[in-house]
Protein backbone atom coordinates (compact mmCIF):
# COMPACT_ATOMS: atom_id res chain seq x y z
CA ALA A 1 128.41 61.54 88.67
CA SER A 2 127.80 57.94 87.25
CA ASP A 3 130.73 57.53 85.43
CA LEU A 4 132.90 58.51 88.53
CA ILE A 5 130.47 55.81 90.96
CA GLY A 6 130.50 53.42 87.73
CA ILE A 7 134.59 53.18 88.20
CA ALA A 8 134.76 52.62 91.74
CA ALA A 9 131.38 50.00 91.57
CA SER A 10 133.64 48.29 88.38
CA THR A 11 137.05 48.15 90.57
CA LEU A 12 134.89 46.80 93.37
CA ILE A 13 133.02 44.37 91.63
CA ASN A 14 136.39 43.41 89.65
CA VAL A 15 138.31 42.75 92.94
CA LEU A 16 136.28 41.21 95.62
CA ASP A 17 133.93 39.45 92.81
CA PRO A 18 130.55 40.32 94.78
CA ARG A 19 126.99 39.33 93.54
CA ILE A 20 125.57 42.43 94.45
CA VAL A 21 126.20 46.13 94.62
CA VAL A 22 124.27 48.15 96.50
CA LEU A 23 123.90 51.98 96.24
CA SER A 24 123.33 54.83 98.80
CA GLY A 25 124.40 57.82 99.84
CA SER A 26 123.30 61.72 99.45
CA VAL A 27 124.29 61.58 96.05
CA ILE A 28 122.36 58.22 95.03
CA GLU A 29 119.18 59.60 97.27
CA LYS A 30 118.85 62.60 95.33
CA GLY A 31 119.54 61.32 92.11
CA ASP A 32 116.48 59.55 89.59
CA THR A 33 116.51 56.70 87.79
CA ASP A 34 118.67 58.32 84.81
CA LEU A 35 121.97 58.17 87.70
CA ILE A 36 120.95 54.50 88.60
CA SER A 37 120.66 53.28 85.17
CA GLY A 38 124.41 55.32 84.39
CA ILE A 39 125.43 53.94 86.95
CA LYS A 40 124.88 50.19 85.80
CA SER A 41 126.02 51.08 82.77
CA ALA A 42 129.32 52.64 83.69
CA THR A 43 129.50 49.92 85.69
CA MET A 44 129.44 46.86 83.22
CA GLU A 45 131.68 48.77 80.59
CA LYS A 46 134.61 48.38 82.75
CA VAL A 47 133.66 45.00 84.84
CA LEU A 48 136.08 42.34 83.72
CA GLY A 49 134.63 39.48 81.47
CA SER A 50 134.25 37.06 84.37
CA ALA A 51 133.03 39.36 87.08
CA LYS A 52 129.96 40.25 84.63
CA ARG A 53 128.05 37.22 85.16
CA ASP A 54 124.55 37.77 87.35
CA VAL A 55 126.03 41.12 89.33
CA MET A 56 123.33 43.29 90.34
CA ILE A 57 123.16 46.74 91.46
CA GLU A 58 120.65 48.01 93.22
CA LYS A 59 119.90 50.74 94.93
CA SER A 60 119.53 50.83 98.63
CA SER A 61 116.00 50.74 99.85
CA LEU A 62 116.97 51.75 104.02
CA GLY A 63 117.32 55.47 102.74
CA GLN A 64 120.17 58.08 104.39
CA PHE A 65 120.45 55.94 107.19
CA ALA A 66 121.49 52.10 105.73
CA GLY A 67 125.22 53.06 107.57
CA ILE A 68 123.78 53.39 110.98
CA LYS A 69 121.09 50.54 110.67
CA GLY A 70 123.61 48.29 109.69
CA ILE A 71 126.21 48.91 112.35
CA CYS A 72 123.60 48.61 115.16
CA GLY A 73 122.59 45.35 113.83
CA LEU A 74 126.31 44.75 113.51
CA ILE A 75 126.33 45.13 117.15
CA TYR A 76 123.55 43.81 118.27
CA GLU A 77 124.60 40.16 116.82
CA LYS A 78 127.40 40.55 118.31
CA THR A 79 126.66 41.65 121.44
CA ILE A 80 123.91 38.54 121.61
CA PHE A 81 126.56 36.24 120.33
CA ILE A 82 129.05 37.43 123.42
CA LEU A 83 126.16 37.00 125.57
CA LYS A 84 125.18 33.26 124.75
């Protein structure tokens, strides 16, 4: 699992060049620190040189409802913007 997630994360890093990648979902939630460190090492093996600079790979602290919390925040932000 860590290798496959690492491939996906490295592809995102190589294409989008983010400063941070936040991992969430049921696999991440059920995994331990070995899974996260395995994902980090698998990702960094496949990231292109220039993208390795300061990319952080972290586990989400929002738990299994991160997506729901994010979309609610986005809806709230867009609704308040429209009402102003």
